[in-house]
C-alpha atoms as a PDB file:
ATOM      1  CA  MET A   1     -12.032 -11.419 -17.695  1.00  0.00           C
ATOM      2  CA  ILE A   2     -15.431 -10.672 -16.418  1.00  0.00           C
ATOM      3  CA  SER A   3     -14.730 -11.793 -13.046  1.00  0.00           C
ATOM      4  CA  PHE A   4     -11.664  -9.676 -12.746  1.00  0.00           C
ATOM      5  CA  ALA A   5     -13.497  -6.634 -13.897  1.00  0.00           C
ATOM      6  CA  LEU A   6     -16.225  -7.211 -11.249  1.00  0.00           C
ATOM      7  CA  THR A   7     -13.526  -7.602  -8.587  1.00  0.00           C
ATOM      8  CA  VAL A   8     -11.817  -4.365  -9.701  1.00  0.00           C
ATOM      9  CA  LYS A   9     -15.302  -2.589  -9.407  1.00  0.00           C
ATOM     10  CA  ARG A  10     -15.959  -4.015  -6.029  1.00  0.00           C
ATOM     11  CA  LEU A  11     -12.317  -2.760  -4.870  1.00  0.00           C
ATOM     12  CA  LEU A  12     -12.980   0.614  -6.361  1.00  0.00           C
ATOM     13  CA  SER A  13     -16.556   0.624  -4.667  1.00  0.00           C
ATOM     14  CA  GLY A  14     -14.902  -0.181  -1.273  1.00  0.00           C
ATOM     15  CA  MET A  15     -12.179   2.357  -1.567  1.00  0.00           C
ATOM     16  CA  TRP A  16     -14.875   4.997  -2.544  1.00  0.00           C
ATOM     17  CA  ARG A  17     -16.906   4.246   0.591  1.00  0.00           C
ATOM     18  CA  ALA A  18     -13.771   4.180   2.726  1.00  0.00           C
ATOM     19  CA  PHE A  19     -12.780   7.436   1.441  1.00  0.00           C
ATOM     20  CA  LYS A  20     -15.504   8.953   3.409  1.00  0.00           C
ATOM     21  CA  MET A  21     -13.663   7.727   6.620  1.00  0.00           C
ATOM     22  CA  LYS A  22     -11.331  10.471   8.071  1.00  0.00           C
ATOM     23  CA  ASN A  23      -9.167   7.714   9.350  1.00  0.00           C
ATOM     24  CA  PHE A  24      -8.899   6.051   5.994  1.00  0.00           C
ATOM     25  CA  GLN A  25      -7.895   9.349   4.183  1.00  0.00           C
ATOM     26  CA  ALA A  26      -5.000   9.822   6.756  1.00  0.00           C
ATOM     27  CA  ILE A  27      -3.812   6.251   6.362  1.00  0.00           C
ATOM     28  CA  PHE A  28      -3.986   6.500   2.441  1.00  0.00           C
ATOM     29  CA  VAL A  29      -2.082   9.678   2.367  1.00  0.00           C
ATOM     30  CA  LEU A  30       0.609   8.220   4.683  1.00  0.00           C
ATOM     31  CA  VAL A  31       0.820   4.867   2.384  1.00  0.00           C
ATOM     32  CA  LEU A  32       1.096   7.337  -0.556  1.00  0.00           C
ATOM     33  CA  LEU A  33       4.238   9.119   1.446  1.00  0.00           C
ATOM     34  CA  MET A  34       5.734   5.895   2.084  1.00  0.00           C
ATOM     35  CA  LEU A  35       5.745   4.897  -1.554  1.00  0.00           C
ATOM     36  CA  ILE A  36       7.048   8.206  -2.870  1.00  0.00           C
ATOM     37  CA  SER A  37       9.776   8.348   0.060  1.00  0.00           C
ATOM     38  CA  GLY A  38      10.769   4.506  -0.905  1.00  0.00           C
ATOM     39  CA  THR A  39      10.922   5.195  -4.459  1.00  0.00           C
ATOM     40  CA  ILE A  40      12.911   8.276  -3.842  1.00  0.00           C
ATOM     41  CA  PHE A  41      15.202   6.582  -1.452  1.00  0.00           C
ATOM     42  CA  PHE A  42      16.024   3.253  -3.470  1.00  0.00           C
ATOM     43  CA  THR A  43      16.261   5.481  -6.712  1.00  0.00           C
ATOM     44  CA  THR A  44      19.037   7.671  -5.022  1.00  0.00           C
ATOM     45  CA  GLN A  45      20.638   5.299  -2.700  1.00  0.00           C
ATOM     46  CA  GLU A  46      20.665   1.965  -4.457  1.00  0.00           C
ATOM     47  CA  GLY A  47      20.585   2.904  -7.839  1.00  0.00           C
ATOM     48  CA  LEU A  48      17.317   1.426  -8.994  1.00  0.00           C
ATOM     49  CA  ALA A  49      15.210   2.877 -11.795  1.00  0.00           C
ATOM     50  CA  PRO A  50      12.149   4.649 -10.543  1.00  0.00           C
ATOM     51  CA  ILE A  51       9.758   1.995 -11.763  1.00  0.00           C
ATOM     52  CA  ASP A  52      12.092  -0.823 -10.036  1.00  0.00           C
ATOM     53  CA  ALA A  53      12.053   1.136  -7.247  1.00  0.00           C
ATOM     54  CA  LEU A  54       8.290   1.682  -6.905  1.00  0.00           C
ATOM     55  CA  TYR A  55       7.928  -2.038  -7.707  1.00  0.00           C
ATOM     56  CA  VAL A  56      10.135  -3.100  -4.615  1.00  0.00           C
ATOM     57  CA  CYS A  57       8.403  -0.537  -2.442  1.00  0.00           C
ATOM     58  CA  VAL A  58       4.757  -1.979  -3.519  1.00  0.00           C
ATOM     59  CA  THR A  59       5.885  -5.529  -3.095  1.00  0.00           C
ATOM     60  CA  THR A  60       7.474  -4.841   0.216  1.00  0.00           C
ATOM     61  CA  LEU A  61       4.320  -3.071   1.703  1.00  0.00           C
ATOM     62  CA  SER A  62       1.951  -5.689   0.425  1.00  0.00           C
ATOM     63  CA  THR A  63       4.169  -8.400   2.056  1.00  0.00           C
ATOM     64  CA  VAL A  64       4.863 -10.251  -0.997  1.00  0.00           C
ATOM     65  CA  GLY A  65       8.358  -9.222  -1.034  1.00  0.00           C
ATOM     66  CA  HIS A  66      10.976  -9.030  -3.927  1.00  0.00           C
ATOM     67  CA  PRO A  67      12.757 -12.315  -4.324  1.00  0.00           C
ATOM     68  CA  THR A  68      16.095 -10.981  -5.910  1.00  0.00           C
ATOM     69  CA  PHE A  69      16.391  -7.440  -4.577  1.00  0.00           C
ATOM     70  CA  VAL A  70      18.653  -7.004  -1.431  1.00  0.00           C
ATOM     71  CA  PRO A  71      19.826  -3.534  -0.333  1.00  0.00           C
ATOM     72  CA  GLN A  72      23.620  -3.276  -1.002  1.00  0.00           C
ATOM     73  CA  THR A  73      24.557  -0.422   1.487  1.00  0.00           C
ATOM     74  CA  GLY A  74      24.225  -0.222   5.244  1.00  0.00           C
ATOM     75  CA  LEU A  75      21.935   2.694   4.938  1.00  0.00           C
ATOM     76  CA  GLY A  76      19.701   0.944   2.575  1.00  0.00           C
ATOM     77  CA  LYS A  77      19.395  -1.974   4.868  1.00  0.00           C
ATOM     78  CA  GLY A  78      18.536   0.121   7.892  1.00  0.00           C
ATOM     79  CA  PHE A  79      16.116   2.019   5.714  1.00  0.00           C
ATOM     80  CA  MET A  80      14.484  -1.265   4.551  1.00  0.00           C
ATOM     81  CA  MET A  81      14.072  -2.605   8.100  1.00  0.00           C
ATOM     82  CA  VAL A  82      12.292   0.467   9.121  1.00  0.00           C
ATOM     83  CA  TYR A  83      10.263   0.639   5.792  1.00  0.00           C
ATOM     84  CA  ILE A  84       9.058  -2.995   6.472  1.00  0.00           C
ATOM     85  CA  ILE A  85       7.907  -2.196  10.138  1.00  0.00           C
ATOM     86  CA  VAL A  86       6.172   0.928   9.380  1.00  0.00           C
ATOM     87  CA  GLY A  87       4.841   0.401   5.877  1.00  0.00           C
ATOM     88  CA  THR A  88       3.568  -2.900   6.416  1.00  0.00           C
ATOM     89  CA  GLY A  89       1.321  -1.817   9.426  1.00  0.00           C
ATOM     90  CA  LEU A  90      -0.001   1.219   7.349  1.00  0.00           C
ATOM     91  CA  PHE A  91      -0.555  -0.984   4.345  1.00  0.00           C
ATOM     92  CA  ILE A  92      -2.621  -3.525   6.300  1.00  0.00           C
ATOM     93  CA  SER A  93      -4.361  -1.052   8.009  1.00  0.00           C
ATOM     94  CA  MET A  94      -5.488   0.741   4.649  1.00  0.00           C
ATOM     95  CA  ILE A  95      -6.483  -2.701   3.397  1.00  0.00           C
ATOM     96  CA  GLY A  96      -8.487  -3.356   6.700  1.00  0.00           C
ATOM     97  CA  HIS A  97     -10.584  -0.143   6.293  1.00  0.00           C
ATOM     98  CA  ILE A  98     -11.358  -1.022   2.565  1.00  0.00           C
ATOM     99  CA  ALA A  99     -12.704  -4.558   3.910  1.00  0.00           C
ATOM    100  CA  TYR A 100     -14.554  -2.845   6.461  1.00  0.00           C
ATOM    101  CA  ALA A 101     -16.220  -0.397   3.866  1.00  0.00           C
ATOM    102  CA  LEU A 102     -17.142  -3.348   1.762  1.00  0.00           C
ATOM    103  CA  ILE A 103     -18.585  -5.320   4.548  1.00  0.00           C
ATOM    104  CA  LYS A 104     -20.605  -2.545   6.184  1.00  0.00           C
ATOM    105  CA  GLN A 105     -24.051  -2.032   4.934  1.00  0.00           C
ATOM    106  CA  PRO A 106     -25.215   1.505   4.025  1.00  0.00           C
ATOM    107  CA  GLU A 107     -27.639   2.898   6.366  1.00  0.00           C
ATOM    108  CA  GLY A 108     -30.648   2.566   3.967  1.00  0.00           C
ATOM    109  CA  LYS A 109     -30.255  -1.254   3.568  1.00  0.00           C
ATOM    110  CA  ARG A 110     -30.209  -2.355   7.167  1.00  0.00           C
ATOM    111  CA  LYS A 111     -33.399  -4.083   8.367  1.00  0.00           C
END
């Protein structure tokens, strides 16, 4: 449990440092918009509960995927294809910025 707490602390520290970069702020907002739009779409078009729709969106963007969810409508399938292509790139870019913020040393600690 201590290891998990330390990992979460490090992730939050990296996000805090990453938020100082304008590019990260823009990507973060776009990822949030992707999650909100996907949740609204899957709730209205596919009949999922909002928490289930959000879960599908997060698992899709994180490239894990949801093993049992398949869109039932043609519109849902088309939306999912675009959602995967655009969202995965944004999500990976956001994770890359967080990783860069974790690896980059603060100015005062450089030798």
